[in-house]
N, C-alpha and C. Protein backbone atom coordinates (compact mmCIF):
# COMPACT_ATOMS: atom_id res chain seq x y z
N UNK A 1 67.90 40.15 165.52
CA UNK A 1 68.41 40.36 166.81
C UNK A 1 69.02 41.74 166.96
N UNK A 2 70.28 41.86 166.65
CA UNK A 2 70.87 43.20 166.75
C UNK A 2 70.67 43.94 165.43
N UNK A 3 70.23 45.13 165.56
CA UNK A 3 70.05 45.92 164.34
C UNK A 3 71.39 46.53 163.95
N UNK A 4 71.71 46.43 162.74
CA UNK A 4 72.96 46.99 162.26
C UNK A 4 72.72 48.48 162.01
N UNK A 5 73.53 49.28 162.68
CA UNK A 5 73.38 50.73 162.55
C UNK A 5 73.93 51.18 161.23
N UNK A 6 73.17 51.96 160.55
CA UNK A 6 73.62 52.50 159.27
C UNK A 6 74.43 53.74 159.54
N UNK A 7 75.52 53.85 158.89
CA UNK A 7 76.31 55.08 159.05
C UNK A 7 75.91 56.05 157.96
N UNK A 8 75.61 57.23 158.39
CA UNK A 8 75.20 58.24 157.43
C UNK A 8 76.23 59.38 157.47
N UNK A 9 76.76 59.75 156.32
CA UNK A 9 77.73 60.85 156.25
C UNK A 9 76.96 62.15 156.29
N UNK A 10 77.45 63.04 157.15
CA UNK A 10 76.83 64.37 157.15
C UNK A 10 77.78 65.32 156.45
N UNK A 11 77.24 66.13 155.57
CA UNK A 11 78.04 67.08 154.81
C UNK A 11 77.15 68.25 154.42
N UNK A 12 77.80 69.31 153.96
CA UNK A 12 77.04 70.47 153.50
C UNK A 12 76.45 70.17 152.12
N UNK A 13 75.28 70.66 151.93
CA UNK A 13 74.68 70.50 150.61
C UNK A 13 75.23 71.58 149.68
N UNK A 14 75.04 71.44 148.43
CA UNK A 14 75.52 72.40 147.44
C UNK A 14 74.89 73.77 147.66
N UNK A 15 73.65 73.80 148.02
CA UNK A 15 72.96 75.09 148.25
C UNK A 15 73.56 75.80 149.45
N UNK A 16 73.87 75.08 150.50
CA UNK A 16 74.48 75.69 151.68
C UNK A 16 75.85 76.27 151.35
N UNK A 17 76.63 75.56 150.58
CA UNK A 17 77.95 76.06 150.18
C UNK A 17 77.84 77.32 149.33
N UNK A 18 76.90 77.34 148.41
CA UNK A 18 76.71 78.52 147.56
C UNK A 18 76.30 79.73 148.41
N UNK A 19 75.44 79.53 149.38
CA UNK A 19 75.01 80.63 150.26
C UNK A 19 76.19 81.18 151.05
N UNK A 20 77.03 80.32 151.58
CA UNK A 20 78.21 80.76 152.34
C UNK A 20 79.15 81.56 151.44
N UNK A 21 79.40 81.09 150.22
CA UNK A 21 80.28 81.80 149.29
C UNK A 21 79.70 83.17 148.93
N UNK A 22 78.41 83.26 148.73
CA UNK A 22 77.77 84.54 148.41
C UNK A 22 77.90 85.50 149.58
N UNK A 23 77.70 85.03 150.80
CA UNK A 23 77.82 85.89 151.98
C UNK A 23 79.25 86.40 152.12
N UNK A 24 80.22 85.54 151.94
CA UNK A 24 81.63 85.97 152.01
C UNK A 24 81.93 87.00 150.93
N UNK A 25 81.39 86.80 149.73
CA UNK A 25 81.59 87.77 148.65
C UNK A 25 80.99 89.13 148.98
N UNK A 26 79.81 89.15 149.59
CA UNK A 26 79.18 90.42 149.96
C UNK A 26 80.01 91.14 151.03
N UNK A 27 80.47 90.40 152.01
CA UNK A 27 81.30 91.01 153.06
C UNK A 27 82.59 91.57 152.46
N UNK A 28 83.22 90.84 151.55
CA UNK A 28 84.46 91.32 150.90
C UNK A 28 84.18 92.56 150.08
N UNK A 29 83.06 92.61 149.39
CA UNK A 29 82.73 93.78 148.56
C UNK A 29 82.52 95.03 149.40
N UNK A 30 82.07 94.85 150.62
CA UNK A 30 81.88 95.99 151.52
C UNK A 30 83.19 96.38 152.19
N UNK A 31 83.97 95.41 152.63
CA UNK A 31 85.15 95.67 153.45
C UNK A 31 86.36 96.16 152.66
N UNK A 32 86.62 95.63 151.49
CA UNK A 32 87.83 95.98 150.75
C UNK A 32 87.88 97.46 150.38
N UNK A 33 86.83 98.07 149.85
CA UNK A 33 86.92 99.51 149.57
C UNK A 33 87.12 100.35 150.83
N UNK A 34 86.54 99.94 151.94
CA UNK A 34 86.72 100.70 153.18
C UNK A 34 88.16 100.64 153.66
N UNK A 35 88.79 99.49 153.52
CA UNK A 35 90.18 99.36 153.95
C UNK A 35 91.11 100.17 153.05
N UNK A 36 90.84 100.23 151.77
CA UNK A 36 91.71 101.00 150.88
C UNK A 36 91.57 102.49 151.15
N UNK A 37 90.37 102.96 151.48
CA UNK A 37 90.20 104.37 151.84
C UNK A 37 90.89 104.68 153.16
N UNK A 38 90.98 103.69 154.03
CA UNK A 38 91.66 103.89 155.31
C UNK A 38 93.13 104.20 155.12
N UNK A 39 93.78 103.55 154.17
CA UNK A 39 95.19 103.82 153.91
C UNK A 39 95.38 105.23 153.35
N UNK A 40 94.48 105.66 152.49
CA UNK A 40 94.57 107.01 151.94
C UNK A 40 94.40 108.05 153.04
N UNK A 41 93.42 107.83 153.89
CA UNK A 41 93.18 108.74 155.00
C UNK A 41 94.36 108.79 155.96
N UNK A 42 95.01 107.65 156.16
CA UNK A 42 96.17 107.61 157.03
C UNK A 42 97.32 108.42 156.45
N UNK A 43 97.53 108.33 155.13
CA UNK A 43 98.59 109.13 154.49
C UNK A 43 98.30 110.62 154.61
N UNK A 44 97.04 110.99 154.45
CA UNK A 44 96.68 112.41 154.56
C UNK A 44 96.89 112.91 155.99
N UNK A 45 96.54 112.10 156.97
CA UNK A 45 96.75 112.47 158.37
C UNK A 45 98.23 112.55 158.69
N UNK A 46 99.01 111.64 158.13
CA UNK A 46 100.46 111.66 158.35
C UNK A 46 101.08 112.92 157.77
N UNK A 47 100.64 113.33 156.59
CA UNK A 47 101.15 114.56 155.98
C UNK A 47 100.84 115.76 156.87
N UNK A 48 99.61 115.85 157.35
CA UNK A 48 99.24 116.96 158.23
C UNK A 48 100.05 116.92 159.52
N UNK A 49 100.27 115.73 160.07
CA UNK A 49 101.06 115.60 161.29
C UNK A 49 102.52 115.98 161.07
N UNK A 50 103.10 115.52 159.94
CA UNK A 50 104.48 115.86 159.63
C UNK A 50 104.67 117.36 159.47
N UNK A 51 103.71 118.00 158.81
CA UNK A 51 103.79 119.46 158.65
C UNK A 51 103.70 120.16 160.00
N UNK A 52 102.84 119.67 160.88
CA UNK A 52 102.72 120.28 162.21
C UNK A 52 104.03 120.16 162.98
N UNK A 53 104.67 119.00 162.92
CA UNK A 53 105.95 118.79 163.61
C UNK A 53 107.02 119.70 163.03
N UNK A 54 107.11 119.75 161.69
CA UNK A 54 108.10 120.62 161.04
C UNK A 54 107.88 122.09 161.41
N UNK A 55 106.64 122.53 161.38
CA UNK A 55 106.34 123.93 161.68
C UNK A 55 106.70 124.28 163.13
N UNK A 56 106.41 123.38 164.06
CA UNK A 56 106.75 123.64 165.46
C UNK A 56 108.26 123.69 165.65
N UNK A 57 108.99 122.78 164.98
CA UNK A 57 110.45 122.77 165.09
C UNK A 57 111.05 124.06 164.52
N UNK A 58 110.52 124.51 163.37
CA UNK A 58 111.03 125.75 162.76
C UNK A 58 110.70 126.95 163.65
N UNK A 59 109.49 126.99 164.21
CA UNK A 59 109.12 128.09 165.11
C UNK A 59 110.00 128.11 166.35
N UNK A 60 110.28 126.95 166.92
CA UNK A 60 111.14 126.89 168.10
C UNK A 60 112.56 127.33 167.76
N UNK A 61 113.05 126.88 166.61
CA UNK A 61 114.38 127.32 166.17
C UNK A 61 114.41 128.84 166.06
N UNK A 62 113.41 129.42 165.41
CA UNK A 62 113.37 130.87 165.25
C UNK A 62 113.31 131.60 166.58
N UNK A 63 112.53 131.10 167.50
CA UNK A 63 112.42 131.78 168.79
C UNK A 63 113.71 131.68 169.60
N UNK A 64 114.47 130.64 169.43
CA UNK A 64 115.74 130.49 170.16
C UNK A 64 116.92 131.13 169.44
N UNK A 65 116.72 131.59 168.21
CA UNK A 65 117.81 132.19 167.44
C UNK A 65 117.44 133.61 166.99
N UNK A 66 116.86 134.36 167.89
CA UNK A 66 116.55 135.78 167.68
C UNK A 66 115.69 136.03 166.44
N UNK A 67 114.73 135.15 166.19
CA UNK A 67 113.82 135.34 165.07
C UNK A 67 114.40 135.00 163.71
N UNK A 68 115.60 134.47 163.66
CA UNK A 68 116.23 134.09 162.39
C UNK A 68 115.92 132.62 162.08
N UNK A 69 115.51 132.38 160.84
CA UNK A 69 115.25 131.01 160.40
C UNK A 69 116.41 130.53 159.53
N UNK A 70 116.66 129.22 159.51
CA UNK A 70 117.73 128.70 158.64
C UNK A 70 117.32 128.78 157.17
N UNK A 71 118.31 128.72 156.30
CA UNK A 71 118.03 128.68 154.86
C UNK A 71 117.50 127.30 154.49
N UNK A 72 116.95 127.16 153.30
CA UNK A 72 116.45 125.86 152.85
C UNK A 72 117.58 124.84 152.79
N UNK A 73 118.77 125.27 152.38
CA UNK A 73 119.90 124.36 152.28
C UNK A 73 120.36 123.88 153.66
N UNK A 74 120.21 124.72 154.69
CA UNK A 74 120.66 124.39 156.05
C UNK A 74 119.56 123.81 156.93
N UNK A 75 118.34 123.86 156.50
CA UNK A 75 117.21 123.53 157.36
C UNK A 75 117.34 122.14 158.00
N UNK A 76 117.60 121.13 157.21
CA UNK A 76 117.69 119.76 157.74
C UNK A 76 118.82 119.64 158.75
N UNK A 77 119.97 120.20 158.44
CA UNK A 77 121.11 120.12 159.34
C UNK A 77 120.86 120.86 160.64
N UNK A 78 120.31 122.06 160.55
CA UNK A 78 120.12 122.87 161.76
C UNK A 78 118.97 122.38 162.63
N UNK A 79 118.00 121.72 162.06
CA UNK A 79 116.91 121.19 162.88
C UNK A 79 117.27 119.85 163.52
N UNK A 80 118.27 119.16 163.00
CA UNK A 80 118.65 117.85 163.54
C UNK A 80 119.98 117.86 164.28
N UNK A 81 120.55 119.05 164.51
CA UNK A 81 121.84 119.17 165.20
C UNK A 81 121.74 120.18 166.33
N UNK A 82 122.77 120.21 167.17
CA UNK A 82 122.87 121.23 168.20
C UNK A 82 123.50 122.48 167.59
N UNK A 83 123.00 123.65 168.00
CA UNK A 83 123.51 124.91 167.47
C UNK A 83 123.74 125.90 168.61
N UNK A 84 124.50 126.96 168.29
CA UNK A 84 124.65 128.05 169.26
C UNK A 84 123.65 129.15 168.91
N UNK A 85 123.71 130.26 169.60
CA UNK A 85 122.74 131.34 169.40
C UNK A 85 122.79 131.91 167.98
N UNK A 86 123.94 131.82 167.32
CA UNK A 86 124.08 132.33 165.96
C UNK A 86 123.67 131.30 164.90
N UNK A 87 123.32 130.07 165.32
CA UNK A 87 122.92 129.04 164.38
C UNK A 87 124.06 128.19 163.87
N UNK A 88 125.25 128.34 164.46
CA UNK A 88 126.40 127.53 164.05
C UNK A 88 126.27 126.14 164.64
N UNK A 89 126.38 125.12 163.79
CA UNK A 89 126.25 123.73 164.23
C UNK A 89 127.54 123.30 164.91
N UNK A 90 127.42 122.59 166.02
CA UNK A 90 128.60 122.11 166.72
C UNK A 90 128.23 121.33 167.97
N UNK A 91 129.25 121.00 168.76
CA UNK A 91 129.01 120.23 169.98
C UNK A 91 129.60 120.89 171.22
N UNK A 92 130.10 122.10 171.09
CA UNK A 92 130.74 122.78 172.22
C UNK A 92 129.76 123.21 173.30
N UNK A 93 130.31 123.83 174.34
CA UNK A 93 129.51 124.26 175.49
C UNK A 93 128.51 125.35 175.11
N UNK A 94 128.78 126.10 174.06
CA UNK A 94 127.86 127.16 173.65
C UNK A 94 126.76 126.66 172.72
N UNK A 95 126.85 125.42 172.28
CA UNK A 95 125.85 124.84 171.37
C UNK A 95 124.76 124.17 172.20
N UNK A 96 123.90 124.99 172.76
CA UNK A 96 122.90 124.51 173.71
C UNK A 96 121.50 124.37 173.11
N UNK A 97 121.32 124.75 171.87
CA UNK A 97 119.99 124.72 171.25
C UNK A 97 119.86 123.51 170.33
N UNK A 98 118.70 122.88 170.39
CA UNK A 98 118.45 121.74 169.52
C UNK A 98 118.99 120.45 170.09
N UNK A 99 118.93 119.39 169.35
CA UNK A 99 118.25 119.25 168.07
C UNK A 99 116.73 119.30 168.24
N UNK A 100 116.07 119.74 167.22
CA UNK A 100 114.62 119.92 167.25
C UNK A 100 113.88 118.72 166.66
N UNK A 101 114.55 117.97 165.80
CA UNK A 101 113.99 116.78 165.17
C UNK A 101 115.06 115.70 165.09
N UNK A 102 114.65 114.45 165.05
CA UNK A 102 115.60 113.37 164.78
C UNK A 102 115.96 113.33 163.31
N UNK A 103 114.97 113.55 162.47
CA UNK A 103 115.16 113.55 161.02
C UNK A 103 114.01 114.33 160.39
N UNK A 104 114.24 114.82 159.19
CA UNK A 104 113.17 115.48 158.45
C UNK A 104 112.19 114.40 157.99
N UNK A 105 110.90 114.55 158.27
CA UNK A 105 109.94 113.51 157.86
C UNK A 105 109.83 113.37 156.35
N UNK A 106 109.44 112.18 155.93
CA UNK A 106 109.25 111.93 154.51
C UNK A 106 107.95 112.58 154.03
N UNK A 107 107.87 112.80 152.73
CA UNK A 107 106.67 113.37 152.11
C UNK A 107 105.66 112.26 151.91
N UNK A 108 104.39 112.53 152.18
CA UNK A 108 103.34 111.53 152.04
C UNK A 108 102.33 111.88 150.96
N UNK A 109 102.68 112.78 150.05
CA UNK A 109 101.75 113.15 148.98
C UNK A 109 102.56 113.49 147.73
N UNK A 110 101.89 113.47 146.59
CA UNK A 110 102.54 113.87 145.34
C UNK A 110 103.46 112.83 144.78
N UNK A 111 104.28 113.22 143.80
CA UNK A 111 105.14 112.26 143.11
C UNK A 111 106.24 111.69 143.98
N UNK A 112 106.57 112.34 145.08
CA UNK A 112 107.65 111.86 145.95
C UNK A 112 107.11 111.18 147.20
N UNK A 113 105.87 110.75 147.19
CA UNK A 113 105.26 110.14 148.38
C UNK A 113 106.07 108.96 148.88
N UNK A 114 106.33 108.95 150.18
CA UNK A 114 107.03 107.85 150.81
C UNK A 114 108.53 107.90 150.72
N UNK A 115 109.09 108.95 150.14
CA UNK A 115 110.54 109.03 150.01
C UNK A 115 111.07 110.23 150.77
N UNK A 116 112.33 110.17 151.15
CA UNK A 116 112.99 111.35 151.68
C UNK A 116 113.21 112.30 150.52
N UNK A 117 112.87 113.54 150.73
CA UNK A 117 112.95 114.50 149.64
C UNK A 117 113.65 115.76 150.11
N UNK A 118 114.05 116.56 149.18
CA UNK A 118 114.76 117.78 149.51
C UNK A 118 113.81 118.90 149.90
N UNK A 119 114.38 119.89 150.55
CA UNK A 119 113.63 121.08 150.92
C UNK A 119 114.01 122.16 149.94
N UNK A 120 113.01 122.76 149.32
CA UNK A 120 113.24 123.75 148.28
C UNK A 120 112.85 125.13 148.78
N UNK A 121 113.67 126.12 148.49
CA UNK A 121 113.34 127.51 148.83
C UNK A 121 112.35 128.03 147.81
N UNK A 122 111.32 128.68 148.27
CA UNK A 122 110.35 129.26 147.35
C UNK A 122 109.17 129.84 148.09
N UNK A 123 108.30 130.46 147.35
CA UNK A 123 107.11 131.05 147.96
C UNK A 123 105.82 130.50 147.39
N UNK A 124 105.88 129.74 146.28
CA UNK A 124 104.66 129.13 145.75
C UNK A 124 104.98 127.72 145.28
N UNK A 125 104.08 126.79 145.54
CA UNK A 125 104.34 125.41 145.15
C UNK A 125 104.46 125.26 143.64
N UNK A 126 105.44 124.48 143.21
CA UNK A 126 105.57 124.25 141.77
C UNK A 126 105.23 122.81 141.40
N UNK A 127 105.20 121.92 142.37
CA UNK A 127 104.83 120.54 142.10
C UNK A 127 105.80 119.80 141.21
N UNK A 128 107.01 120.32 141.05
CA UNK A 128 107.96 119.74 140.10
C UNK A 128 108.35 118.32 140.46
N UNK A 129 108.95 118.12 141.59
CA UNK A 129 109.41 116.78 141.94
C UNK A 129 108.95 116.39 143.33
N UNK A 130 108.07 117.13 143.90
CA UNK A 130 107.63 116.84 145.26
C UNK A 130 108.66 117.31 146.25
N UNK A 131 108.35 117.21 147.49
CA UNK A 131 109.25 117.64 148.54
C UNK A 131 108.60 118.70 149.40
N UNK A 132 109.39 119.25 150.27
CA UNK A 132 108.91 120.32 151.14
C UNK A 132 109.31 121.65 150.55
N UNK A 133 108.40 122.59 150.51
CA UNK A 133 108.65 123.95 150.06
C UNK A 133 108.79 124.81 151.31
N UNK A 134 109.80 125.67 151.34
CA UNK A 134 110.13 126.42 152.55
C UNK A 134 110.42 127.86 152.20
N UNK A 135 109.93 128.78 153.04
CA UNK A 135 110.20 130.20 152.86
C UNK A 135 110.96 130.70 154.08
N UNK A 136 112.24 131.00 153.90
CA UNK A 136 113.11 131.41 155.00
C UNK A 136 112.64 132.70 155.66
N UNK A 137 112.10 133.61 154.90
CA UNK A 137 111.73 134.90 155.49
C UNK A 137 110.59 134.78 156.50
N UNK A 138 109.67 133.85 156.28
CA UNK A 138 108.55 133.68 157.19
C UNK A 138 108.65 132.43 158.05
N UNK A 139 109.52 131.49 157.66
CA UNK A 139 109.63 130.23 158.37
C UNK A 139 108.51 129.26 158.03
N UNK A 140 107.75 129.52 156.98
CA UNK A 140 106.64 128.65 156.59
C UNK A 140 107.16 127.47 155.76
N UNK A 141 106.51 126.33 155.94
CA UNK A 141 106.85 125.13 155.18
C UNK A 141 105.54 124.45 154.77
N UNK A 142 105.51 123.87 153.56
CA UNK A 142 104.32 123.21 153.06
C UNK A 142 104.73 122.17 152.03
N UNK A 143 103.76 121.35 151.63
CA UNK A 143 104.01 120.30 150.65
C UNK A 143 104.16 120.91 149.26
N UNK A 144 105.24 120.54 148.58
CA UNK A 144 105.50 121.02 147.22
C UNK A 144 104.89 120.05 146.23
N UNK A 145 103.59 120.17 146.05
CA UNK A 145 102.89 119.33 145.07
C UNK A 145 102.04 120.24 144.19
N UNK A 146 101.67 119.76 143.05
CA UNK A 146 100.88 120.55 142.10
C UNK A 146 99.52 120.91 142.70
N UNK A 147 98.97 122.05 142.27
CA UNK A 147 97.66 122.49 142.74
C UNK A 147 96.57 121.47 142.44
N UNK A 148 96.76 120.65 141.42
CA UNK A 148 95.73 119.70 141.02
C UNK A 148 95.63 118.51 141.98
N UNK A 149 96.63 118.31 142.83
CA UNK A 149 96.61 117.15 143.72
C UNK A 149 95.90 117.50 145.03
N UNK A 150 94.82 116.76 145.28
CA UNK A 150 93.99 117.03 146.45
C UNK A 150 93.78 115.76 147.27
N UNK A 151 93.35 115.96 148.51
CA UNK A 151 93.03 114.82 149.37
C UNK A 151 91.62 114.33 149.07
N UNK A 152 91.14 113.37 149.83
CA UNK A 152 89.83 112.79 149.56
C UNK A 152 88.69 113.78 149.80
N UNK A 153 88.95 114.83 150.58
CA UNK A 153 87.92 115.85 150.82
C UNK A 153 87.98 116.98 149.80
N UNK A 154 88.96 116.92 148.87
CA UNK A 154 89.09 117.95 147.84
C UNK A 154 90.00 119.10 148.23
N UNK A 155 90.64 119.04 149.40
CA UNK A 155 91.55 120.10 149.84
C UNK A 155 92.92 119.87 149.19
N UNK A 156 93.54 120.95 148.70
CA UNK A 156 94.85 120.85 148.06
C UNK A 156 95.92 120.50 149.10
N UNK A 157 96.79 119.54 148.75
CA UNK A 157 97.85 119.15 149.66
C UNK A 157 98.77 120.32 150.01
N UNK A 158 98.98 121.22 149.04
CA UNK A 158 99.91 122.32 149.30
C UNK A 158 99.28 123.44 150.13
N UNK A 159 98.03 123.24 150.60
CA UNK A 159 97.43 124.23 151.50
C UNK A 159 97.28 123.69 152.92
N UNK A 160 97.80 122.50 153.15
CA UNK A 160 97.73 121.92 154.50
C UNK A 160 98.43 122.83 155.48
């Protein structure tokens, strides 16, 4: 009379599961190296951007202070504070210049990558402890990393 319906379980076969796992493995093998290179490229772009911001701030400081640049020891203070025409830091009515930056950007290359570092006076990179290298006479600033440290394109960080 009434036919009893058989219940059949539907599930993935072992071959289907193996194919899915292999496809996921291939996608991961392609995607993971690309994502890791993306982080490296982002750090290199950040370093170039930080240098551009620092250079513009130093140039603006120099143009507003009769072509005089701050010393390496004063650079952070004078770029992040208000100053008068002589470069004296203060808050009075004559301190109308600046601040040029909120803070000195962190270094994104070399042994000090990702940390706040000091600004060193000099004319050639020594790569000793990382940081920003600064020349007061010209107002130039660059990454203080060893000549051997390069970006993914082979360009030296200290020539950015």
